[in-house]
N, C-alpha and C. Protein backbone atom coordinates (compact mmCIF):
# COMPACT_ATOMS: atom_id res chain seq x y z
N UNK A 1 20.96 35.30 36.57
CA UNK A 1 22.32 35.74 36.20
C UNK A 1 22.43 35.73 34.68
N UNK A 2 22.91 36.82 34.13
CA UNK A 2 23.02 36.93 32.68
C UNK A 2 24.07 35.98 32.15
N UNK A 3 23.97 35.66 30.84
CA UNK A 3 24.95 34.78 30.21
C UNK A 3 26.34 35.38 30.25
N UNK A 4 26.43 36.72 30.12
CA UNK A 4 27.72 37.39 30.14
C UNK A 4 28.38 37.24 31.51
N UNK A 5 27.61 37.38 32.58
CA UNK A 5 28.15 37.22 33.93
C UNK A 5 28.60 35.79 34.16
N UNK A 6 27.80 34.83 33.69
CA UNK A 6 28.17 33.43 33.83
C UNK A 6 29.51 33.15 33.16
N UNK A 7 29.67 33.70 31.95
CA UNK A 7 30.92 33.46 31.23
C UNK A 7 32.11 34.08 31.95
N UNK A 8 31.94 35.30 32.45
CA UNK A 8 33.05 35.97 33.13
C UNK A 8 33.42 35.27 34.42
N UNK A 9 32.45 34.59 35.04
CA UNK A 9 32.71 33.88 36.29
C UNK A 9 33.34 32.53 36.03
N UNK A 10 32.86 31.82 35.00
CA UNK A 10 33.31 30.45 34.78
C UNK A 10 34.62 30.37 34.03
N UNK A 11 34.93 31.38 33.20
CA UNK A 11 36.15 31.32 32.41
C UNK A 11 37.40 31.24 33.28
N UNK A 12 37.56 32.08 34.31
CA UNK A 12 38.76 31.95 35.17
C UNK A 12 38.82 30.59 35.86
N UNK A 13 37.67 30.05 36.24
CA UNK A 13 37.66 28.74 36.88
C UNK A 13 38.12 27.65 35.92
N UNK A 14 37.64 27.74 34.68
CA UNK A 14 38.06 26.76 33.68
C UNK A 14 39.56 26.88 33.40
N UNK A 15 40.03 28.11 33.31
CA UNK A 15 41.46 28.31 33.07
C UNK A 15 42.30 27.78 34.22
N UNK A 16 41.83 27.99 35.44
CA UNK A 16 42.55 27.49 36.61
C UNK A 16 42.58 25.97 36.62
N UNK A 17 41.44 25.36 36.29
CA UNK A 17 41.38 23.90 36.25
C UNK A 17 42.29 23.34 35.16
N UNK A 18 42.30 24.01 34.00
CA UNK A 18 43.15 23.55 32.90
C UNK A 18 44.62 23.67 33.27
N UNK A 19 44.99 24.77 33.93
CA UNK A 19 46.38 24.95 34.34
C UNK A 19 46.79 23.90 35.36
N UNK A 20 45.89 23.55 36.27
CA UNK A 20 46.18 22.53 37.29
C UNK A 20 46.37 21.17 36.64
N UNK A 21 45.53 20.86 35.66
CA UNK A 21 45.65 19.57 34.97
C UNK A 21 46.94 19.51 34.17
N UNK A 22 47.27 20.60 33.51
CA UNK A 22 48.52 20.65 32.73
C UNK A 22 49.72 20.43 33.65
N UNK A 23 49.68 21.02 34.84
CA UNK A 23 50.75 20.84 35.81
C UNK A 23 50.86 19.38 36.24
N UNK A 24 49.72 18.73 36.48
CA UNK A 24 49.72 17.32 36.85
C UNK A 24 50.39 16.48 35.76
N UNK A 25 50.03 16.76 34.52
CA UNK A 25 50.58 15.99 33.39
C UNK A 25 52.07 16.25 33.25
N UNK A 26 52.47 17.50 33.32
CA UNK A 26 53.89 17.85 33.19
C UNK A 26 54.73 17.21 34.28
N UNK A 27 54.26 17.29 35.52
CA UNK A 27 54.99 16.71 36.64
C UNK A 27 55.06 15.18 36.53
N UNK A 28 53.98 14.58 36.05
CA UNK A 28 53.98 13.13 35.86
C UNK A 28 54.99 12.74 34.80
N UNK A 29 55.02 13.49 33.71
CA UNK A 29 56.01 13.23 32.68
C UNK A 29 57.43 13.38 33.20
N UNK A 30 57.67 14.43 33.97
CA UNK A 30 59.00 14.65 34.55
C UNK A 30 59.43 13.43 35.37
N UNK A 31 58.55 12.94 36.21
CA UNK A 31 58.89 11.78 37.06
C UNK A 31 59.20 10.55 36.21
N UNK A 32 58.38 10.29 35.21
CA UNK A 32 58.57 9.08 34.40
C UNK A 32 59.80 9.18 33.51
N UNK A 33 60.02 10.35 32.93
CA UNK A 33 61.20 10.51 32.06
C UNK A 33 62.49 10.27 32.85
N UNK A 34 62.55 10.80 34.06
CA UNK A 34 63.76 10.63 34.86
C UNK A 34 63.88 9.22 35.43
N UNK A 35 62.76 8.57 35.68
CA UNK A 35 62.80 7.23 36.27
C UNK A 35 62.97 6.14 35.22
N UNK A 36 62.21 6.25 34.13
CA UNK A 36 62.17 5.16 33.14
C UNK A 36 62.85 5.50 31.83
N UNK A 37 63.16 6.77 31.61
CA UNK A 37 63.73 7.19 30.34
C UNK A 37 62.67 7.65 29.37
N UNK A 38 63.09 8.43 28.38
CA UNK A 38 62.13 8.99 27.43
C UNK A 38 61.50 7.91 26.55
N UNK A 39 62.31 7.02 26.03
CA UNK A 39 61.80 6.01 25.08
C UNK A 39 60.76 5.11 25.72
N UNK A 40 60.97 4.72 26.98
CA UNK A 40 60.05 3.79 27.65
C UNK A 40 58.80 4.46 28.18
N UNK A 41 58.77 5.78 28.14
CA UNK A 41 57.61 6.52 28.65
C UNK A 41 56.63 6.81 27.52
N UNK A 42 55.38 6.45 27.71
CA UNK A 42 54.34 6.68 26.71
C UNK A 42 53.31 7.67 27.24
N UNK A 43 52.49 8.19 26.34
CA UNK A 43 51.41 9.08 26.76
C UNK A 43 50.45 8.36 27.69
N UNK A 44 50.22 7.09 27.44
CA UNK A 44 49.32 6.32 28.31
C UNK A 44 49.89 6.21 29.71
N UNK A 45 51.18 5.98 29.82
CA UNK A 45 51.81 5.88 31.14
C UNK A 45 51.79 7.23 31.86
N UNK A 46 51.99 8.29 31.11
CA UNK A 46 51.93 9.62 31.72
C UNK A 46 50.53 9.90 32.25
N UNK A 47 49.51 9.51 31.47
CA UNK A 47 48.13 9.70 31.92
C UNK A 47 47.86 8.95 33.21
N UNK A 48 48.31 7.70 33.26
CA UNK A 48 48.11 6.89 34.47
C UNK A 48 48.84 7.50 35.66
N UNK A 49 50.05 7.96 35.44
CA UNK A 49 50.83 8.58 36.53
C UNK A 49 50.16 9.85 37.02
N UNK A 50 49.57 10.61 36.09
CA UNK A 50 48.92 11.86 36.46
C UNK A 50 47.53 11.67 37.03
N UNK A 51 46.96 10.47 36.83
CA UNK A 51 45.62 10.20 37.31
C UNK A 51 44.54 10.83 36.45
N UNK A 52 44.82 10.95 35.15
CA UNK A 52 43.84 11.51 34.22
C UNK A 52 43.72 10.57 33.03
N UNK A 53 42.77 10.85 32.17
CA UNK A 53 42.61 10.02 30.97
C UNK A 53 43.67 10.37 29.94
N UNK A 54 43.94 9.42 29.05
CA UNK A 54 44.90 9.68 27.99
C UNK A 54 44.39 10.81 27.08
N UNK A 55 43.08 10.86 26.88
CA UNK A 55 42.49 11.92 26.08
C UNK A 55 42.77 13.29 26.70
N UNK A 56 42.74 13.37 28.01
CA UNK A 56 43.03 14.63 28.70
C UNK A 56 44.47 15.06 28.46
N UNK A 57 45.38 14.10 28.48
CA UNK A 57 46.78 14.42 28.21
C UNK A 57 46.92 15.04 26.82
N UNK A 58 46.24 14.45 25.84
CA UNK A 58 46.32 14.97 24.48
C UNK A 58 45.63 16.33 24.33
N UNK A 59 44.76 16.67 25.26
CA UNK A 59 44.14 17.99 25.24
C UNK A 59 45.17 19.08 25.50
N UNK A 60 46.20 18.75 26.29
CA UNK A 60 47.19 19.73 26.68
C UNK A 60 48.50 19.63 25.90
N UNK A 61 48.83 18.45 25.42
CA UNK A 61 50.09 18.24 24.69
C UNK A 61 49.85 17.35 23.48
N UNK A 62 50.48 17.68 22.38
CA UNK A 62 50.31 16.87 21.18
C UNK A 62 51.03 15.53 21.27
N UNK A 63 52.16 15.50 21.99
CA UNK A 63 52.94 14.28 22.08
C UNK A 63 53.86 14.38 23.30
N UNK A 64 54.60 13.31 23.56
CA UNK A 64 55.44 13.30 24.75
C UNK A 64 56.67 14.19 24.61
N UNK A 65 57.05 14.50 23.38
CA UNK A 65 58.16 15.43 23.17
C UNK A 65 57.80 16.80 23.74
N UNK A 66 56.57 17.24 23.50
CA UNK A 66 56.12 18.52 24.04
C UNK A 66 56.10 18.50 25.56
N UNK A 67 55.71 17.38 26.14
CA UNK A 67 55.71 17.28 27.60
C UNK A 67 57.14 17.37 28.12
N UNK A 68 58.04 16.64 27.48
CA UNK A 68 59.44 16.67 27.91
C UNK A 68 60.00 18.08 27.81
N UNK A 69 59.76 18.75 26.68
CA UNK A 69 60.31 20.09 26.48
C UNK A 69 59.75 21.06 27.51
N UNK A 70 58.46 20.98 27.77
CA UNK A 70 57.84 21.87 28.75
C UNK A 70 58.39 21.60 30.15
N UNK A 71 58.49 20.32 30.51
CA UNK A 71 59.02 19.96 31.82
C UNK A 71 60.47 20.43 31.96
N UNK A 72 61.24 20.29 30.91
CA UNK A 72 62.64 20.70 30.95
C UNK A 72 62.77 22.22 31.09
N UNK A 73 61.99 22.96 30.30
CA UNK A 73 62.05 24.42 30.37
C UNK A 73 61.72 24.92 31.77
N UNK A 74 60.66 24.37 32.36
CA UNK A 74 60.23 24.81 33.69
C UNK A 74 61.25 24.40 34.74
N UNK A 75 61.80 23.21 34.61
CA UNK A 75 62.79 22.74 35.59
C UNK A 75 64.05 23.60 35.54
N UNK A 76 64.49 23.96 34.37
CA UNK A 76 65.69 24.79 34.25
C UNK A 76 65.44 26.20 34.77
N UNK A 77 64.32 26.78 34.37
CA UNK A 77 64.04 28.18 34.74
C UNK A 77 63.52 28.31 36.16
N UNK A 78 62.79 27.31 36.64
CA UNK A 78 62.17 27.42 37.96
C UNK A 78 60.81 28.08 37.92
N UNK A 79 60.34 28.44 36.74
CA UNK A 79 59.01 29.03 36.57
C UNK A 79 58.56 28.80 35.13
N UNK A 80 57.36 29.29 34.81
CA UNK A 80 56.80 29.07 33.48
C UNK A 80 57.01 30.24 32.53
N UNK A 81 57.77 31.23 32.96
CA UNK A 81 57.99 32.40 32.11
C UNK A 81 58.93 32.04 30.96
N UNK A 82 58.56 32.39 29.72
CA UNK A 82 59.40 32.05 28.56
C UNK A 82 60.57 33.01 28.39
N UNK A 83 61.44 33.03 29.38
CA UNK A 83 62.60 33.92 29.36
C UNK A 83 63.86 33.08 29.45
N UNK A 84 64.76 33.25 28.51
CA UNK A 84 66.01 32.48 28.49
C UNK A 84 66.85 32.80 29.71
N UNK A 85 67.68 31.83 30.13
CA UNK A 85 68.53 32.03 31.30
C UNK A 85 69.43 33.25 31.13
N UNK A 86 69.95 33.47 29.93
CA UNK A 86 70.84 34.61 29.68
C UNK A 86 70.14 35.94 29.93
N UNK A 87 68.81 35.98 29.82
CA UNK A 87 68.06 37.23 29.94
C UNK A 87 67.43 37.40 31.31
N UNK A 88 67.77 36.55 32.26
CA UNK A 88 67.17 36.63 33.59
C UNK A 88 68.05 37.44 34.54
N UNK A 89 67.42 38.09 35.52
CA UNK A 89 68.19 38.90 36.47
C UNK A 89 69.25 38.10 37.21
N UNK A 90 68.97 36.83 37.47
CA UNK A 90 69.93 36.00 38.19
C UNK A 90 71.25 35.88 37.44
N UNK A 91 71.16 35.73 36.11
CA UNK A 91 72.37 35.62 35.29
C UNK A 91 73.12 36.94 35.29
N UNK A 92 72.38 38.02 35.17
CA UNK A 92 73.00 39.35 35.18
C UNK A 92 73.70 39.60 36.51
N UNK A 93 73.12 39.10 37.60
CA UNK A 93 73.72 39.29 38.92
C UNK A 93 75.07 38.61 39.01
N UNK A 94 75.19 37.42 38.41
CA UNK A 94 76.48 36.72 38.41
C UNK A 94 77.51 37.53 37.62
N UNK A 95 77.12 37.99 36.45
CA UNK A 95 78.05 38.74 35.60
C UNK A 95 78.50 40.05 36.23
N UNK A 96 77.67 40.61 37.09
CA UNK A 96 77.98 41.92 37.66
C UNK A 96 78.90 41.86 38.87
N UNK A 97 79.21 40.65 39.35
CA UNK A 97 80.13 40.53 40.49
C UNK A 97 81.47 41.16 40.14
N UNK A 98 82.02 41.95 41.03
CA UNK A 98 83.24 42.69 40.72
C UNK A 98 84.50 41.85 40.84
N UNK A 99 84.48 40.82 41.69
CA UNK A 99 85.65 39.98 41.91
C UNK A 99 85.42 38.59 41.32
N UNK A 100 86.46 38.01 40.75
CA UNK A 100 86.33 36.70 40.10
C UNK A 100 85.91 35.62 41.09
N UNK A 101 86.46 35.65 42.30
CA UNK A 101 86.11 34.64 43.29
C UNK A 101 84.64 34.67 43.63
N UNK A 102 84.08 35.86 43.80
CA UNK A 102 82.67 35.98 44.11
C UNK A 102 81.82 35.56 42.93
N UNK A 103 82.28 35.86 41.71
CA UNK A 103 81.55 35.45 40.51
C UNK A 103 81.46 33.93 40.44
N UNK A 104 82.55 33.25 40.77
CA UNK A 104 82.57 31.79 40.74
C UNK A 104 81.63 31.24 41.80
N UNK A 105 81.65 31.79 42.99
CA UNK A 105 80.75 31.33 44.05
C UNK A 105 79.30 31.46 43.62
N UNK A 106 78.96 32.59 43.03
CA UNK A 106 77.57 32.83 42.61
C UNK A 106 77.16 31.92 41.46
N UNK A 107 78.04 31.74 40.46
CA UNK A 107 77.66 30.87 39.34
C UNK A 107 77.51 29.43 39.78
N UNK A 108 78.36 28.99 40.69
CA UNK A 108 78.27 27.62 41.19
C UNK A 108 76.99 27.43 42.00
N UNK A 109 76.67 28.41 42.82
CA UNK A 109 75.45 28.31 43.64
C UNK A 109 74.21 28.25 42.77
N UNK A 110 74.11 29.15 41.83
CA UNK A 110 72.92 29.20 40.98
C UNK A 110 72.85 28.01 40.04
N UNK A 111 73.99 27.56 39.53
CA UNK A 111 74.01 26.38 38.68
C UNK A 111 73.58 25.14 39.47
N UNK A 112 74.01 25.06 40.73
CA UNK A 112 73.61 23.93 41.56
C UNK A 112 72.12 23.88 41.78
N UNK A 113 71.50 25.03 41.97
CA UNK A 113 70.04 25.08 42.15
C UNK A 113 69.34 24.56 40.89
N UNK A 114 69.82 24.99 39.73
CA UNK A 114 69.23 24.53 38.47
C UNK A 114 69.38 23.02 38.31
N UNK A 115 70.55 22.50 38.62
CA UNK A 115 70.79 21.07 38.43
C UNK A 115 70.02 20.23 39.43
N UNK A 116 69.77 20.76 40.62
CA UNK A 116 68.92 20.04 41.56
C UNK A 116 67.52 19.85 40.99
N UNK A 117 67.04 20.85 40.27
CA UNK A 117 65.71 20.76 39.67
C UNK A 117 65.71 19.97 38.37
N UNK A 118 66.73 20.20 37.54
CA UNK A 118 66.66 19.73 36.15
C UNK A 118 67.73 18.73 35.75
N UNK A 119 68.73 18.49 36.60
CA UNK A 119 69.86 17.65 36.19
C UNK A 119 69.46 16.27 35.72
N UNK A 120 68.61 15.60 36.48
CA UNK A 120 68.21 14.24 36.10
C UNK A 120 67.43 14.22 34.80
N UNK A 121 66.60 15.26 34.58
CA UNK A 121 65.83 15.32 33.35
C UNK A 121 66.73 15.62 32.15
N UNK A 122 67.71 16.50 32.33
CA UNK A 122 68.66 16.77 31.25
C UNK A 122 69.39 15.49 30.87
N UNK A 123 69.84 14.72 31.87
CA UNK A 123 70.55 13.48 31.60
C UNK A 123 69.65 12.46 30.91
N UNK A 124 68.37 12.44 31.26
CA UNK A 124 67.43 11.53 30.60
C UNK A 124 67.34 11.84 29.12
N UNK A 125 67.35 13.14 28.79
CA UNK A 125 67.32 13.52 27.38
C UNK A 125 68.59 13.14 26.66
N UNK A 126 69.72 13.37 27.30
CA UNK A 126 71.01 13.03 26.69
C UNK A 126 71.11 11.52 26.46
N UNK A 127 70.70 10.74 27.45
CA UNK A 127 70.79 9.28 27.34
C UNK A 127 69.86 8.73 26.27
N UNK A 128 68.79 9.46 25.95
CA UNK A 128 67.84 9.01 24.92
C UNK A 128 68.16 9.58 23.55
N UNK A 129 69.16 10.46 23.47
CA UNK A 129 69.41 11.18 22.21
C UNK A 129 69.89 10.26 21.09
N UNK A 130 70.49 9.14 21.44
CA UNK A 130 70.95 8.22 20.40
C UNK A 130 69.84 7.43 19.77
N UNK A 131 68.69 7.36 20.45
CA UNK A 131 67.57 6.55 19.96
C UNK A 131 66.40 7.39 19.46
N UNK A 132 66.46 8.71 19.67
CA UNK A 132 65.32 9.54 19.30
C UNK A 132 65.82 10.87 18.74
N UNK A 133 65.35 11.21 17.55
CA UNK A 133 65.82 12.43 16.87
C UNK A 133 65.42 13.68 17.62
N UNK A 134 64.23 13.69 18.22
CA UNK A 134 63.80 14.86 18.97
C UNK A 134 64.66 15.08 20.21
N UNK A 135 65.03 13.99 20.87
CA UNK A 135 65.90 14.12 22.03
C UNK A 135 67.30 14.58 21.62
N UNK A 136 67.74 14.17 20.46
CA UNK A 136 69.03 14.64 19.95
C UNK A 136 68.96 16.14 19.71
N UNK A 137 67.87 16.60 19.10
CA UNK A 137 67.71 18.03 18.84
C UNK A 137 67.68 18.82 20.15
N UNK A 138 66.89 18.36 21.11
CA UNK A 138 66.77 19.06 22.39
C UNK A 138 68.11 19.07 23.12
N UNK A 139 68.81 17.96 23.09
CA UNK A 139 70.12 17.89 23.75
C UNK A 139 71.13 18.80 23.07
N UNK A 140 71.11 18.84 21.74
CA UNK A 140 72.03 19.72 21.01
C UNK A 140 71.73 21.19 21.31
N UNK A 141 70.45 21.53 21.38
CA UNK A 141 70.07 22.90 21.70
C UNK A 141 70.52 23.26 23.11
N UNK A 142 70.36 22.31 24.03
CA UNK A 142 70.79 22.56 25.41
C UNK A 142 72.29 22.75 25.51
N UNK A 143 73.04 21.96 24.78
CA UNK A 143 74.50 22.09 24.79
C UNK A 143 74.94 23.43 24.19
N UNK A 144 74.25 23.86 23.13
CA UNK A 144 74.59 25.14 22.52
C UNK A 144 74.30 26.29 23.47
N UNK A 145 73.17 26.22 24.17
CA UNK A 145 72.82 27.27 25.13
C UNK A 145 73.81 27.28 26.29
N UNK A 146 74.21 26.09 26.75
CA UNK A 146 75.18 26.00 27.83
C UNK A 146 76.50 26.61 27.40
N UNK A 147 76.94 26.34 26.21
CA UNK A 147 78.20 26.90 25.71
C UNK A 147 78.12 28.42 25.64
N UNK A 148 77.01 28.94 25.13
CA UNK A 148 76.86 30.38 25.02
C UNK A 148 76.87 31.04 26.40
N UNK A 149 76.18 30.43 27.36
CA UNK A 149 76.16 30.97 28.72
C UNK A 149 77.56 30.96 29.34
N UNK A 150 78.27 29.85 29.13
CA UNK A 150 79.61 29.74 29.71
C UNK A 150 80.60 30.69 29.04
N UNK A 151 80.42 30.98 27.77
CA UNK A 151 81.27 31.97 27.10
C UNK A 151 81.06 33.35 27.71
N UNK A 152 79.80 33.69 28.00
CA UNK A 152 79.52 34.98 28.63
C UNK A 152 80.15 35.05 30.02
N UNK A 153 80.03 33.95 30.77
CA UNK A 153 80.65 33.91 32.10
C UNK A 153 82.17 33.97 32.00
N UNK A 154 82.73 33.28 31.01
CA UNK A 154 84.18 33.28 30.83
C UNK A 154 84.69 34.68 30.49
N UNK A 155 83.99 35.39 29.62
CA UNK A 155 84.38 36.75 29.27
C UNK A 155 84.38 37.65 30.51
N UNK A 156 83.35 37.49 31.35
CA UNK A 156 83.27 38.29 32.57
C UNK A 156 84.40 37.95 33.53
N UNK A 157 84.71 36.65 33.65
CA UNK A 157 85.81 36.25 34.53
C UNK A 157 87.15 36.80 34.05
N UNK A 158 87.44 36.62 32.78
CA UNK A 158 88.69 37.12 32.23
C UNK A 158 88.76 38.64 32.37
N UNK A 159 87.61 39.29 32.24
CA UNK A 159 87.56 40.74 32.34
C UNK A 159 87.93 41.29 33.72
N UNK A 160 87.88 40.44 34.75
CA UNK A 160 88.29 40.89 36.08
C UNK A 160 89.80 41.04 36.20
N UNK A 161 90.54 40.43 35.29
CA UNK A 161 92.00 40.47 35.35
C UNK A 161 92.59 39.51 36.37
N UNK A 162 91.77 38.63 36.92
CA UNK A 162 92.23 37.72 37.97
C UNK A 162 92.43 36.29 37.49
N UNK A 163 92.14 36.03 36.22
CA UNK A 163 92.29 34.68 35.66
C UNK A 163 93.75 34.47 35.26
N UNK A 164 94.24 33.27 35.46
CA UNK A 164 95.61 32.93 35.06
C UNK A 164 95.83 33.29 33.59
N UNK A 165 96.97 33.87 33.25
CA UNK A 165 97.23 34.28 31.87
C UNK A 165 97.26 33.12 30.88
N UNK A 166 97.44 31.92 31.37
CA UNK A 166 97.45 30.75 30.47
C UNK A 166 96.06 30.38 29.98
N UNK A 167 95.02 31.00 30.53
CA UNK A 167 93.65 30.71 30.13
C UNK A 167 93.07 31.91 29.38
N UNK A 168 92.71 31.69 28.10
CA UNK A 168 91.96 32.72 27.40
C UNK A 168 90.46 32.45 27.59
N UNK A 169 89.62 33.26 26.96
CA UNK A 169 88.17 33.14 27.16
C UNK A 169 87.67 31.76 26.74
N UNK A 170 88.14 31.27 25.60
CA UNK A 170 87.68 29.97 25.11
C UNK A 170 88.08 28.84 26.07
N UNK A 171 89.29 28.91 26.61
CA UNK A 171 89.74 27.88 27.53
C UNK A 171 88.96 27.91 28.84
N UNK A 172 88.67 29.12 29.33
CA UNK A 172 87.85 29.24 30.54
C UNK A 172 86.46 28.67 30.28
N UNK A 173 85.89 28.99 29.12
CA UNK A 173 84.57 28.45 28.77
C UNK A 173 84.61 26.93 28.71
N UNK A 174 85.68 26.35 28.18
CA UNK A 174 85.81 24.90 28.13
C UNK A 174 85.73 24.29 29.54
N UNK A 175 86.45 24.92 30.47
CA UNK A 175 86.46 24.43 31.85
C UNK A 175 85.06 24.55 32.46
N UNK A 176 84.41 25.67 32.24
CA UNK A 176 83.08 25.88 32.82
C UNK A 176 82.05 24.91 32.25
N UNK A 177 82.07 24.71 30.93
CA UNK A 177 81.14 23.77 30.31
C UNK A 177 81.30 22.38 30.93
N UNK A 178 82.54 21.99 31.16
CA UNK A 178 82.80 20.67 31.72
C UNK A 178 82.38 20.57 33.18
N UNK A 179 82.84 21.52 33.99
CA UNK A 179 82.66 21.43 35.43
C UNK A 179 81.24 21.76 35.89
N UNK A 180 80.54 22.61 35.16
CA UNK A 180 79.16 22.95 35.52
C UNK A 180 78.14 22.01 34.89
N UNK A 181 78.61 21.00 34.19
CA UNK A 181 77.72 20.12 33.45
C UNK A 181 76.87 19.24 34.37
N UNK A 182 75.71 18.79 33.88
CA UNK A 182 74.89 17.86 34.66
C UNK A 182 75.57 16.51 34.84
N UNK A 183 76.50 16.17 33.94
CA UNK A 183 77.21 14.90 34.05
C UNK A 183 78.00 14.84 35.36
N UNK A 184 78.78 15.88 35.63
CA UNK A 184 79.57 15.91 36.87
C UNK A 184 78.65 15.89 38.08
N UNK A 185 77.61 16.69 38.04
CA UNK A 185 76.67 16.77 39.15
C UNK A 185 76.02 15.41 39.43
N UNK A 186 75.58 14.73 38.38
CA UNK A 186 74.89 13.44 38.55
C UNK A 186 75.85 12.34 38.97
N UNK A 187 77.04 12.31 38.41
CA UNK A 187 78.00 11.26 38.75
C UNK A 187 78.42 11.36 40.21
N UNK A 188 78.68 12.57 40.67
CA UNK A 188 79.09 12.75 42.06
C UNK A 188 77.95 12.40 43.01
N UNK A 189 76.78 12.90 42.73
CA UNK A 189 75.62 12.62 43.58
C UNK A 189 75.77 13.11 45.00
N UNK A 190 76.53 14.16 45.19
CA UNK A 190 76.81 14.68 46.52
C UNK A 190 75.68 15.57 47.03
N UNK A 191 75.61 15.77 48.35
CA UNK A 191 74.69 16.78 48.89
C UNK A 191 75.02 18.15 48.30
N UNK A 192 74.02 19.01 48.24
CA UNK A 192 74.17 20.29 47.56
C UNK A 192 75.32 21.12 48.11
N UNK A 193 75.47 21.17 49.43
CA UNK A 193 76.51 22.02 49.99
C UNK A 193 77.91 21.48 49.71
N UNK A 194 78.07 20.15 49.75
CA UNK A 194 79.38 19.57 49.46
C UNK A 194 79.74 19.79 47.99
N UNK A 195 78.80 19.56 47.10
CA UNK A 195 79.03 19.79 45.67
C UNK A 195 79.39 21.24 45.41
N UNK A 196 78.65 22.16 46.00
CA UNK A 196 78.88 23.58 45.79
C UNK A 196 80.26 24.02 46.29
N UNK A 197 80.61 23.60 47.48
CA UNK A 197 81.89 24.01 48.07
C UNK A 197 83.07 23.45 47.28
N UNK A 198 82.96 22.17 46.91
CA UNK A 198 84.05 21.54 46.16
C UNK A 198 84.22 22.19 44.79
N UNK A 199 83.12 22.44 44.10
CA UNK A 199 83.21 22.98 42.74
C UNK A 199 83.75 24.41 42.75
N UNK A 200 83.29 25.22 43.69
CA UNK A 200 83.79 26.59 43.76
C UNK A 200 85.29 26.61 44.06
N UNK A 201 85.71 25.77 44.99
CA UNK A 201 87.14 25.72 45.34
C UNK A 201 87.96 25.22 44.16
N UNK A 202 87.46 24.21 43.44
CA UNK A 202 88.19 23.65 42.30
C UNK A 202 88.32 24.68 41.18
N UNK A 203 87.25 25.41 40.89
CA UNK A 203 87.31 26.42 39.83
C UNK A 203 88.24 27.56 40.20
N UNK A 204 88.21 27.99 41.45
CA UNK A 204 89.13 29.06 41.87
C UNK A 204 90.58 28.61 41.73
N UNK A 205 90.87 27.39 42.17
CA UNK A 205 92.24 26.88 42.11
C UNK A 205 92.69 26.69 40.66
N UNK A 206 91.79 26.26 39.81
CA UNK A 206 92.13 25.97 38.42
C UNK A 206 92.30 27.22 37.58
N UNK A 207 91.43 28.22 37.80
CA UNK A 207 91.36 29.34 36.88
C UNK A 207 91.99 30.63 37.37
N UNK A 208 92.06 30.84 38.67
CA UNK A 208 92.45 32.16 39.17
C UNK A 208 93.91 32.22 39.59
N UNK A 209 94.47 33.39 39.46
CA UNK A 209 95.86 33.61 39.89
C UNK A 209 95.96 33.44 41.41
N UNK A 210 97.08 32.95 41.90
CA UNK A 210 97.24 32.76 43.35
C UNK A 210 97.01 34.07 44.11
N UNK A 211 96.35 33.94 45.24
CA UNK A 211 96.10 35.12 46.07
C UNK A 211 94.85 35.87 45.75
N UNK A 212 94.10 35.41 44.74
CA UNK A 212 92.85 36.12 44.39
C UNK A 212 91.67 35.41 45.03
């Protein structure tokens, strides 16, 4: 077998093995960050949790901040594609709902799915933000993205003409930022269907004109 054939055969295998190891490390970090907190989690602990050497962990990530950021991005998005939530078809689908009530149902459903995957990790970052500058930066960036997303949703809701006249776009965004937050989700700790039904009903009652 020629050297060129060997390389073409082994390269995909090496890439697959590297991707599998990176996944092990990322998932191990996710578990430890949510269980023990960011500050108490070390690269050595992540290696032990993943069942690999500490040197292997450093092969894939420079530090635990990179592991946290990668785990958070994947947990929020649900995949490894570097596409912001605002630019995903799922977000566009919510905005395209013609009726405000249906828009609220869809945003609550999709937000609940995200928080089931990422809520505990987001809270771990927030809780560590006072002790770590990187966690403060990541938390601030997350809050800014959440605000921007909620402003877009608020504009779409107000645009239906079904929102109470006492609520302008900024006020609707304030309500959405609060009610869709991981804080509310984590504090309640309810089953997904109960959380979803309660939140959708509460947002409709709070924001929409009677009869809509």
